[in-house]
Amino acid sequence: RSGVTPEIAEQFKQAGVRELNFDKLVSLEIHGANPDTVKQIGALGYPNLTADDVIAMCIHGVDVDFVRKAQKHGFRDLSLDKLIKLKQYGILD
């Protein structure tokens, strides 16, 4: 049984997540996505993410702290894919 509710769907929508449907909401839940985290990441330069973008970030461990760390090291204005690759390859470790 899924914990997806109309309220959580609205929270993700308000956080700017695009391309939401029930299956995507279930995947967001499974991967531990959080609307507040999405808002914070949006404020750091990644607004209007798709549900798939958020899921990929969760899968690869790209969170608010990682985005801030990347930006602190001069990695600004990276595409989401490149940000995820930074994490995957451990470049900032």
PDB file of N, CA and C in Angstrom:
ATOM      1  N   ARG A   1       0.840  -1.174   0.000  1.00  0.00           N
ATOM      2  CA  ARG A   1       0.000   0.000   0.000  1.00  0.00           C
ATOM      3  C   ARG A   1       0.878   1.228   0.000  1.00  0.00           C
ATOM      4  N   SER A   2       0.562   2.158  -0.822  1.00  0.00           N
ATOM      5  CA  SER A   2       1.340   3.384  -0.961  1.00  0.00           C
ATOM      6  C   SER A   2       0.890   4.417   0.059  1.00  0.00           C
ATOM      7  N   GLY A   3       1.828   5.256   0.465  1.00  0.00           N
ATOM      8  CA  GLY A   3       1.514   6.361   1.365  1.00  0.00           C
ATOM      9  C   GLY A   3       1.256   7.650   0.609  1.00  0.00           C
ATOM     10  N   VAL A   4       1.063   7.549  -0.698  1.00  0.00           N
ATOM     11  CA  VAL A   4       0.833   8.733  -1.512  1.00  0.00           C
ATOM     12  C   VAL A   4      -0.554   9.284  -1.215  1.00  0.00           C
ATOM     13  N   THR A   5      -0.576  10.556  -0.883  1.00  0.00           N
ATOM     14  CA  THR A   5      -1.835  11.233  -0.575  1.00  0.00           C
ATOM     15  C   THR A   5      -1.962  12.468  -1.463  1.00  0.00           C
ATOM     16  N   PRO A   6      -3.157  13.004  -1.580  1.00  0.00           N
ATOM     17  CA  PRO A   6      -3.308  14.257  -2.324  1.00  0.00           C
ATOM     18  C   PRO A   6      -2.451  15.379  -1.729  1.00  0.00           C
ATOM     19  N   GLU A   7      -2.282  15.352  -0.405  1.00  0.00           N
ATOM     20  CA  GLU A   7      -1.483  16.388   0.257  1.00  0.00           C
ATOM     21  C   GLU A   7      -0.013  16.328  -0.166  1.00  0.00           C
ATOM     22  N   ILE A   8       0.557  15.131  -0.198  1.00  0.00           N
ATOM     23  CA  ILE A   8       1.966  15.011  -0.589  1.00  0.00           C
ATOM     24  C   ILE A   8       2.127  15.358  -2.064  1.00  0.00           C
ATOM     25  N   ALA A   9       1.151  14.997  -2.874  1.00  0.00           N
ATOM     26  CA  ALA A   9       1.196  15.368  -4.292  1.00  0.00           C
ATOM     27  C   ALA A   9       1.220  16.888  -4.420  1.00  0.00           C
ATOM     28  N   GLU A  10       0.387  17.560  -3.659  1.00  0.00           N
ATOM     29  CA  GLU A  10       0.337  19.026  -3.700  1.00  0.00           C
ATOM     30  C   GLU A  10       1.647  19.630  -3.190  1.00  0.00           C
ATOM     31  N   GLN A  11       2.243  19.034  -2.165  1.00  0.00           N
ATOM     32  CA  GLN A  11       3.512  19.538  -1.635  1.00  0.00           C
ATOM     33  C   GLN A  11       4.620  19.444  -2.693  1.00  0.00           C
ATOM     34  N   PHE A  12       4.686  18.348  -3.406  1.00  0.00           N
ATOM     35  CA  PHE A  12       5.679  18.217  -4.473  1.00  0.00           C
ATOM     36  C   PHE A  12       5.398  19.217  -5.596  1.00  0.00           C
ATOM     37  N   LYS A  13       4.124  19.395  -5.919  1.00  0.00           N
ATOM     38  CA  LYS A  13       3.759  20.367  -6.954  1.00  0.00           C
ATOM     39  C   LYS A  13       4.171  21.772  -6.521  1.00  0.00           C
ATOM     40  N   GLN A  14       3.893  22.119  -5.271  1.00  0.00           N
ATOM     41  CA  GLN A  14       4.273  23.438  -4.745  1.00  0.00           C
ATOM     42  C   GLN A  14       5.789  23.614  -4.689  1.00  0.00           C
ATOM     43  N   ALA A  15       6.516  22.507  -4.541  1.00  0.00           N
ATOM     44  CA  ALA A  15       7.982  22.551  -4.523  1.00  0.00           C
ATOM     45  C   ALA A  15       8.544  22.731  -5.930  1.00  0.00           C
ATOM     46  N   GLY A  16       7.677  22.668  -6.937  1.00  0.00           N
ATOM     47  CA  GLY A  16       8.099  22.895  -8.311  1.00  0.00           C
ATOM     48  C   GLY A  16       8.360  21.643  -9.118  1.00  0.00           C
ATOM     49  N   VAL A  17       8.027  20.484  -8.575  1.00  0.00           N
ATOM     50  CA  VAL A  17       8.278  19.235  -9.301  1.00  0.00           C
ATOM     51  C   VAL A  17       7.273  19.117 -10.449  1.00  0.00           C
ATOM     52  N   ARG A  18       7.810  18.873 -11.629  1.00  0.00           N
ATOM     53  CA  ARG A  18       6.990  18.747 -12.831  1.00  0.00           C
ATOM     54  C   ARG A  18       6.826  17.276 -13.197  1.00  0.00           C
ATOM     55  N   GLU A  19       5.886  17.041 -14.099  1.00  0.00           N
ATOM     56  CA  GLU A  19       5.633  15.696 -14.640  1.00  0.00           C
ATOM     57  C   GLU A  19       5.293  14.679 -13.551  1.00  0.00           C
ATOM     58  N   LEU A  20       4.392  15.083 -12.684  1.00  0.00           N
ATOM     59  CA  LEU A  20       3.950  14.196 -11.607  1.00  0.00           C
ATOM     60  C   LEU A  20       2.761  13.363 -12.051  1.00  0.00           C
ATOM     61  N   ASN A  21       2.786  12.116 -11.694  1.00  0.00           N
ATOM     62  CA  ASN A  21       1.623  11.246 -11.815  1.00  0.00           C
ATOM     63  C   ASN A  21       1.718  10.257 -10.653  1.00  0.00           C
ATOM     64  N   PHE A  22       0.751   9.393 -10.535  1.00  0.00           N
ATOM     65  CA  PHE A  22       0.732   8.488  -9.381  1.00  0.00           C
ATOM     66  C   PHE A  22       1.986   7.624  -9.313  1.00  0.00           C
ATOM     67  N   ASP A  23       2.388   7.046 -10.435  1.00  0.00           N
ATOM     68  CA  ASP A  23       3.579   6.183 -10.437  1.00  0.00           C
ATOM     69  C   ASP A  23       4.827   6.953 -10.014  1.00  0.00           C
ATOM     70  N   LYS A  24       4.956   8.190 -10.502  1.00  0.00           N
ATOM     71  CA  LYS A  24       6.115   9.009 -10.133  1.00  0.00           C
ATOM     72  C   LYS A  24       6.071   9.341  -8.642  1.00  0.00           C
ATOM     73  N   LEU A  25       4.886   9.619  -8.135  1.00  0.00           N
ATOM     74  CA  LEU A  25       4.748   9.916  -6.702  1.00  0.00           C
ATOM     75  C   LEU A  25       5.133   8.705  -5.854  1.00  0.00           C
ATOM     76  N   VAL A  26       4.744   7.520  -6.291  1.00  0.00           N
ATOM     77  CA  VAL A  26       5.136   6.300  -5.575  1.00  0.00           C
ATOM     78  C   VAL A  26       6.656   6.155  -5.605  1.00  0.00           C
ATOM     79  N   SER A  27       7.269   6.396  -6.760  1.00  0.00           N
ATOM     80  CA  SER A  27       8.735   6.312  -6.864  1.00  0.00           C
ATOM     81  C   SER A  27       9.414   7.347  -5.977  1.00  0.00           C
ATOM     82  N   LEU A  28       8.874   8.563  -5.932  1.00  0.00           N
ATOM     83  CA  LEU A  28       9.427   9.591  -5.043  1.00  0.00           C
ATOM     84  C   LEU A  28       9.389   9.111  -3.599  1.00  0.00           C
ATOM     85  N   GLU A  29       8.278   8.512  -3.221  1.00  0.00           N
ATOM     86  CA  GLU A  29       8.134   7.990  -1.862  1.00  0.00           C
ATOM     87  C   GLU A  29       9.138   6.861  -1.595  1.00  0.00           C
ATOM     88  N   ILE A  30       9.233   5.930  -2.516  1.00  0.00           N
ATOM     89  CA  ILE A  30      10.138   4.785  -2.362  1.00  0.00           C
ATOM     90  C   ILE A  30      11.573   5.242  -2.164  1.00  0.00           C
ATOM     91  N   HIS A  31      11.975   6.289  -2.896  1.00  0.00           N
ATOM     92  CA  HIS A  31      13.356   6.755  -2.846  1.00  0.00           C
ATOM     93  C   HIS A  31      13.601   7.813  -1.772  1.00  0.00           C
ATOM     94  N   GLY A  32      12.589   8.100  -0.970  1.00  0.00           N
ATOM     95  CA  GLY A  32      12.770   9.000   0.166  1.00  0.00           C
ATOM     96  C   GLY A  32      12.821  10.476  -0.180  1.00  0.00           C
ATOM     97  N   ALA A  33      12.249  10.844  -1.322  1.00  0.00           N
ATOM     98  CA  ALA A  33      12.245  12.257  -1.707  1.00  0.00           C
ATOM     99  C   ALA A  33      11.400  13.060  -0.721  1.00  0.00           C
ATOM    100  N   ASN A  34      11.807  14.310  -0.535  1.00  0.00           N
ATOM    101  CA  ASN A  34      11.138  15.192   0.410  1.00  0.00           C
ATOM    102  C   ASN A  34      10.867  16.528  -0.277  1.00  0.00           C
ATOM    103  N   PRO A  35       9.626  17.009  -0.248  1.00  0.00           N
ATOM    104  CA  PRO A  35       9.309  18.283  -0.907  1.00  0.00           C
ATOM    105  C   PRO A  35      10.143  19.456  -0.387  1.00  0.00           C
ATOM    106  N   ASP A  36      10.430  19.483   0.911  1.00  0.00           N
ATOM    107  CA  ASP A  36      11.229  20.584   1.464  1.00  0.00           C
ATOM    108  C   ASP A  36      12.643  20.568   0.899  1.00  0.00           C
ATOM    109  N   THR A  37      13.212  19.379   0.744  1.00  0.00           N
ATOM    110  CA  THR A  37      14.539  19.255   0.151  1.00  0.00           C
ATOM    111  C   THR A  37      14.513  19.741  -1.293  1.00  0.00           C
ATOM    112  N   VAL A  38      13.459  19.394  -2.020  1.00  0.00           N
ATOM    113  CA  VAL A  38      13.328  19.833  -3.407  1.00  0.00           C
ATOM    114  C   VAL A  38      13.292  21.358  -3.468  1.00  0.00           C
ATOM    115  N   LYS A  39      12.564  21.990  -2.546  1.00  0.00           N
ATOM    116  CA  LYS A  39      12.506  23.457  -2.497  1.00  0.00           C
ATOM    117  C   LYS A  39      13.889  24.044  -2.247  1.00  0.00           C
ATOM    118  N   GLN A  40      14.619  23.468  -1.296  1.00  0.00           N
ATOM    119  CA  GLN A  40      15.950  23.973  -0.969  1.00  0.00           C
ATOM    120  C   GLN A  40      16.903  23.828  -2.158  1.00  0.00           C
ATOM    121  N   ILE A  41      16.848  22.713  -2.832  1.00  0.00           N
ATOM    122  CA  ILE A  41      17.703  22.497  -3.998  1.00  0.00           C
ATOM    123  C   ILE A  41      17.295  23.458  -5.122  1.00  0.00           C
ATOM    124  N   GLY A  42      16.009  23.696  -5.252  1.00  0.00           N
ATOM    125  CA  GLY A  42      15.540  24.675  -6.231  1.00  0.00           C
ATOM    126  C   GLY A  42      16.107  26.055  -5.955  1.00  0.00           C
ATOM    127  N   ALA A  43      16.160  26.430  -4.686  1.00  0.00           N
ATOM    128  CA  ALA A  43      16.706  27.733  -4.299  1.00  0.00           C
ATOM    129  C   ALA A  43      18.204  27.825  -4.569  1.00  0.00           C
ATOM    130  N   LEU A  44      18.864  26.695  -4.684  1.00  0.00           N
ATOM    131  CA  LEU A  44      20.299  26.676  -4.964  1.00  0.00           C
ATOM    132  C   LEU A  44      20.592  26.668  -6.473  1.00  0.00           C
ATOM    133  N   GLY A  45      19.554  26.809  -7.277  1.00  0.00           N
ATOM    134  CA  GLY A  45      19.766  26.919  -8.716  1.00  0.00           C
ATOM    135  C   GLY A  45      19.199  25.787  -9.540  1.00  0.00           C
ATOM    136  N   TYR A  46      18.416  24.920  -8.916  1.00  0.00           N
ATOM    137  CA  TYR A  46      17.820  23.791  -9.647  1.00  0.00           C
ATOM    138  C   TYR A  46      16.302  23.782  -9.452  1.00  0.00           C
ATOM    139  N   PRO A  47      15.634  24.821  -9.964  1.00  0.00           N
ATOM    140  CA  PRO A  47      14.170  24.882  -9.814  1.00  0.00           C
ATOM    141  C   PRO A  47      13.471  24.029 -10.872  1.00  0.00           C
ATOM    142  N   ASN A  48      12.222  23.776 -10.644  1.00  0.00           N
ATOM    143  CA  ASN A  48      11.366  23.096 -11.633  1.00  0.00           C
ATOM    144  C   ASN A  48      11.932  21.774 -12.125  1.00  0.00           C
ATOM    145  N   LEU A  49      12.364  20.951 -11.205  1.00  0.00           N
ATOM    146  CA  LEU A  49      12.863  19.622 -11.550  1.00  0.00           C
ATOM    147  C   LEU A  49      11.702  18.716 -11.924  1.00  0.00           C
ATOM    148  N   THR A  50      11.963  17.761 -12.786  1.00  0.00           N
ATOM    149  CA  THR A  50      10.945  16.752 -13.071  1.00  0.00           C
ATOM    150  C   THR A  50      10.993  15.711 -11.946  1.00  0.00           C
ATOM    151  N   ALA A  51       9.956  14.909 -11.865  1.00  0.00           N
ATOM    152  CA  ALA A  51       9.943  13.828 -10.888  1.00  0.00           C
ATOM    153  C   ALA A  51      11.136  12.901 -11.125  1.00  0.00           C
ATOM    154  N   ASP A  52      11.446  12.615 -12.393  1.00  0.00           N
ATOM    155  CA  ASP A  52      12.594  11.757 -12.702  1.00  0.00           C
ATOM    156  C   ASP A  52      13.912  12.378 -12.238  1.00  0.00           C
ATOM    157  N   ASP A  53      14.038  13.708 -12.353  1.00  0.00           N
ATOM    158  CA  ASP A  53      15.235  14.395 -11.851  1.00  0.00           C
ATOM    159  C   ASP A  53      15.391  14.166 -10.345  1.00  0.00           C
ATOM    160  N   VAL A  54      14.313  14.357  -9.623  1.00  0.00           N
ATOM    161  CA  VAL A  54      14.352  14.208  -8.162  1.00  0.00           C
ATOM    162  C   VAL A  54      14.679  12.764  -7.785  1.00  0.00           C
ATOM    163  N   ILE A  55      14.090  11.825  -8.484  1.00  0.00           N
ATOM    164  CA  ILE A  55      14.357  10.405  -8.225  1.00  0.00           C
ATOM    165  C   ILE A  55      15.834  10.100  -8.479  1.00  0.00           C
ATOM    166  N   ALA A  56      16.386  10.600  -9.571  1.00  0.00           N
ATOM    167  CA  ALA A  56      17.809  10.376  -9.873  1.00  0.00           C
ATOM    168  C   ALA A  56      18.691  10.969  -8.787  1.00  0.00           C
ATOM    169  N   MET A  57      18.337  12.151  -8.302  1.00  0.00           N
ATOM    170  CA  MET A  57      19.122  12.768  -7.229  1.00  0.00           C
ATOM    171  C   MET A  57      19.085  11.896  -5.974  1.00  0.00           C
ATOM    172  N   CYS A  58      17.921  11.377  -5.652  1.00  0.00           N
ATOM    173  CA  CYS A  58      17.792  10.507  -4.475  1.00  0.00           C
ATOM    174  C   CYS A  58      18.623   9.238  -4.648  1.00  0.00           C
ATOM    175  N   ILE A  59      18.529   8.617  -5.799  1.00  0.00           N
ATOM    176  CA  ILE A  59      19.250   7.371  -6.058  1.00  0.00           C
ATOM    177  C   ILE A  59      20.751   7.564  -5.897  1.00  0.00           C
ATOM    178  N   HIS A  60      21.262   8.705  -6.354  1.00  0.00           N
ATOM    179  CA  HIS A  60      22.706   8.936  -6.347  1.00  0.00           C
ATOM    180  C   HIS A  60      23.197   9.720  -5.134  1.00  0.00           C
ATOM    181  N   GLY A  61      22.301  10.065  -4.222  1.00  0.00           N
ATOM    182  CA  GLY A  61      22.714  10.745  -3.001  1.00  0.00           C
ATOM    183  C   GLY A  61      23.038  12.217  -3.166  1.00  0.00           C
ATOM    184  N   VAL A  62      22.476  12.838  -4.183  1.00  0.00           N
ATOM    185  CA  VAL A  62      22.666  14.277  -4.363  1.00  0.00           C
ATOM    186  C   VAL A  62      21.610  14.978  -3.513  1.00  0.00           C
ATOM    187  N   ASP A  63      22.082  15.594  -2.423  1.00  0.00           N
ATOM    188  CA  ASP A  63      21.180  16.285  -1.515  1.00  0.00           C
ATOM    189  C   ASP A  63      21.607  17.747  -1.379  1.00  0.00           C
ATOM    190  N   VAL A  64      20.949  18.473  -0.513  1.00  0.00           N
ATOM    191  CA  VAL A  64      21.231  19.894  -0.324  1.00  0.00           C
ATOM    192  C   VAL A  64      22.691  20.104   0.060  1.00  0.00           C
ATOM    193  N   ASP A  65      23.190  19.312   0.989  1.00  0.00           N
ATOM    194  CA  ASP A  65      24.586  19.468   1.431  1.00  0.00           C
ATOM    195  C   ASP A  65      25.556  19.250   0.272  1.00  0.00           C
ATOM    196  N   PHE A  66      25.277  18.258  -0.570  1.00  0.00           N
ATOM    197  CA  PHE A  66      26.172  18.001  -1.696  1.00  0.00           C
ATOM    198  C   PHE A  66      26.144  19.162  -2.690  1.00  0.00           C
ATOM    199  N   VAL A  67      24.961  19.690  -2.972  1.00  0.00           N
ATOM    200  CA  VAL A  67      24.869  20.821  -3.907  1.00  0.00           C
ATOM    201  C   VAL A  67      25.647  22.008  -3.355  1.00  0.00           C
ATOM    202  N   ARG A  68      25.486  22.285  -2.071  1.00  0.00           N
ATOM    203  CA  ARG A  68      26.238  23.393  -1.451  1.00  0.00           C
ATOM    204  C   ARG A  68      27.738  23.146  -1.519  1.00  0.00           C
ATOM    205  N   LYS A  69      28.156  21.927  -1.251  1.00  0.00           N
ATOM    206  CA  LYS A  69      29.576  21.576  -1.303  1.00  0.00           C
ATOM    207  C   LYS A  69      30.127  21.783  -2.715  1.00  0.00           C
ATOM    208  N   ALA A  70      29.387  21.330  -3.713  1.00  0.00           N
ATOM    209  CA  ALA A  70      29.819  21.501  -5.107  1.00  0.00           C
ATOM    210  C   ALA A  70      29.950  22.984  -5.433  1.00  0.00           C
ATOM    211  N   GLN A  71      28.977  23.769  -5.022  1.00  0.00           N
ATOM    212  CA  GLN A  71      29.017  25.198  -5.305  1.00  0.00           C
ATOM    213  C   GLN A  71      30.169  25.879  -4.566  1.00  0.00           C
ATOM    214  N   LYS A  72      30.435  25.448  -3.359  1.00  0.00           N
ATOM    215  CA  LYS A  72      31.548  25.999  -2.577  1.00  0.00           C
ATOM    216  C   LYS A  72      32.886  25.738  -3.278  1.00  0.00           C
ATOM    217  N   HIS A  73      32.974  24.616  -3.976  1.00  0.00           N
ATOM    218  CA  HIS A  73      34.193  24.255  -4.705  1.00  0.00           C
ATOM    219  C   HIS A  73      34.223  24.850  -6.117  1.00  0.00           C
ATOM    220  N   GLY A  74      33.296  25.746  -6.407  1.00  0.00           N
ATOM    221  CA  GLY A  74      33.312  26.442  -7.690  1.00  0.00           C
ATOM    222  C   GLY A  74      32.490  25.794  -8.789  1.00  0.00           C
ATOM    223  N   PHE A  75      31.804  24.716  -8.475  1.00  0.00           N
ATOM    224  CA  PHE A  75      30.965  24.051  -9.479  1.00  0.00           C
ATOM    225  C   PHE A  75      29.577  24.686  -9.464  1.00  0.00           C
ATOM    226  N   ARG A  76      29.459  25.780 -10.175  1.00  0.00           N
ATOM    227  CA  ARG A  76      28.186  26.497 -10.263  1.00  0.00           C
ATOM    228  C   ARG A  76      27.639  26.329 -11.676  1.00  0.00           C
ATOM    229  N   ASP A  77      26.353  26.441 -11.785  1.00  0.00           N
ATOM    230  CA  ASP A  77      25.685  26.381 -13.090  1.00  0.00           C
ATOM    231  C   ASP A  77      25.926  25.068 -13.824  1.00  0.00           C
ATOM    232  N   LEU A  78      26.129  23.996 -13.090  1.00  0.00           N
ATOM    233  CA  LEU A  78      26.249  22.679 -13.716  1.00  0.00           C
ATOM    234  C   LEU A  78      24.868  22.158 -14.067  1.00  0.00           C
ATOM    235  N   SER A  79      24.789  21.388 -15.123  1.00  0.00           N
ATOM    236  CA  SER A  79      23.532  20.701 -15.406  1.00  0.00           C
ATOM    237  C   SER A  79      23.314  19.673 -14.293  1.00  0.00           C
ATOM    238  N   LEU A  80      22.092  19.241 -14.155  1.00  0.00           N
ATOM    239  CA  LEU A  80      21.795  18.231 -13.144  1.00  0.00           C
ATOM    240  C   LEU A  80      22.580  16.952 -13.412  1.00  0.00           C
ATOM    241  N   ASP A  81      22.684  16.570 -14.677  1.00  0.00           N
ATOM    242  CA  ASP A  81      23.438  15.363 -15.025  1.00  0.00           C
ATOM    243  C   ASP A  81      24.897  15.472 -14.583  1.00  0.00           C
ATOM    244  N   LYS A  82      25.502  16.618 -14.795  1.00  0.00           N
ATOM    245  CA  LYS A  82      26.898  16.797 -14.400  1.00  0.00           C
ATOM    246  C   LYS A  82      27.039  16.821 -12.880  1.00  0.00           C
ATOM    247  N   LEU A  83      26.075  17.407 -12.197  1.00  0.00           N
ATOM    248  CA  LEU A  83      26.091  17.403 -10.739  1.00  0.00           C
ATOM    249  C   LEU A  83      26.028  15.967 -10.213  1.00  0.00           C
ATOM    250  N   ILE A  84      25.172  15.154 -10.806  1.00  0.00           N
ATOM    251  CA  ILE A  84      25.064  13.751 -10.409  1.00  0.00           C
ATOM    252  C   ILE A  84      26.371  13.014 -10.699  1.00  0.00           C
ATOM    253  N   LYS A  85      27.003  13.307 -11.820  1.00  0.00           N
ATOM    254  CA  LYS A  85      28.287  12.663 -12.142  1.00  0.00           C
ATOM    255  C   LYS A  85      29.367  13.031 -11.127  1.00  0.00           C
ATOM    256  N   LEU A  86      29.376  14.275 -10.655  1.00  0.00           N
ATOM    257  CA  LEU A  86      30.319  14.663  -9.589  1.00  0.00           C
ATOM    258  C   LEU A  86      30.169  13.729  -8.399  1.00  0.00           C
ATOM    259  N   LYS A  87      28.921  13.465  -8.044  1.00  0.00           N
ATOM    260  CA  LYS A  87      28.642  12.584  -6.905  1.00  0.00           C
ATOM    261  C   LYS A  87      29.033  11.142  -7.222  1.00  0.00           C
ATOM    262  N   GLN A  88      28.641  10.659  -8.390  1.00  0.00           N
ATOM    263  CA  GLN A  88      28.918   9.275  -8.775  1.00  0.00           C
ATOM    264  C   GLN A  88      30.415   8.975  -8.763  1.00  0.00           C
ATOM    265  N   TYR A  89      31.204   9.911  -9.277  1.00  0.00           N
ATOM    266  CA  TYR A  89      32.645   9.669  -9.413  1.00  0.00           C
ATOM    267  C   TYR A  89      33.432  10.093  -8.188  1.00  0.00           C
ATOM    268  N   GLY A  90      32.746  10.593  -7.155  1.00  0.00           N
ATOM    269  CA  GLY A  90      33.416  10.938  -5.908  1.00  0.00           C
ATOM    270  C   GLY A  90      34.428  12.073  -6.050  1.00  0.00           C
ATOM    271  N   ILE A  91      34.202  12.969  -6.976  1.00  0.00           N
ATOM    272  CA  ILE A  91      35.164  14.032  -7.252  1.00  0.00           C
ATOM    273  C   ILE A  91      35.347  14.960  -6.057  1.00  0.00           C
ATOM    274  N   LEU A  92      34.336  15.142  -5.247  1.00  0.00           N
ATOM    275  CA  LEU A  92      34.445  16.040  -4.105  1.00  0.00           C
ATOM    276  C   LEU A  92      34.774  15.311  -2.800  1.00  0.00           C
ATOM    277  N   ASP A  93      34.999  14.007  -2.871  1.00  0.00           N
ATOM    278  CA  ASP A  93      35.301  13.237  -1.660  1.00  0.00           C
ATOM    279  C   ASP A  93      36.727  13.436  -1.226  1.00  0.00           C
TER     280      ASP A  93
END
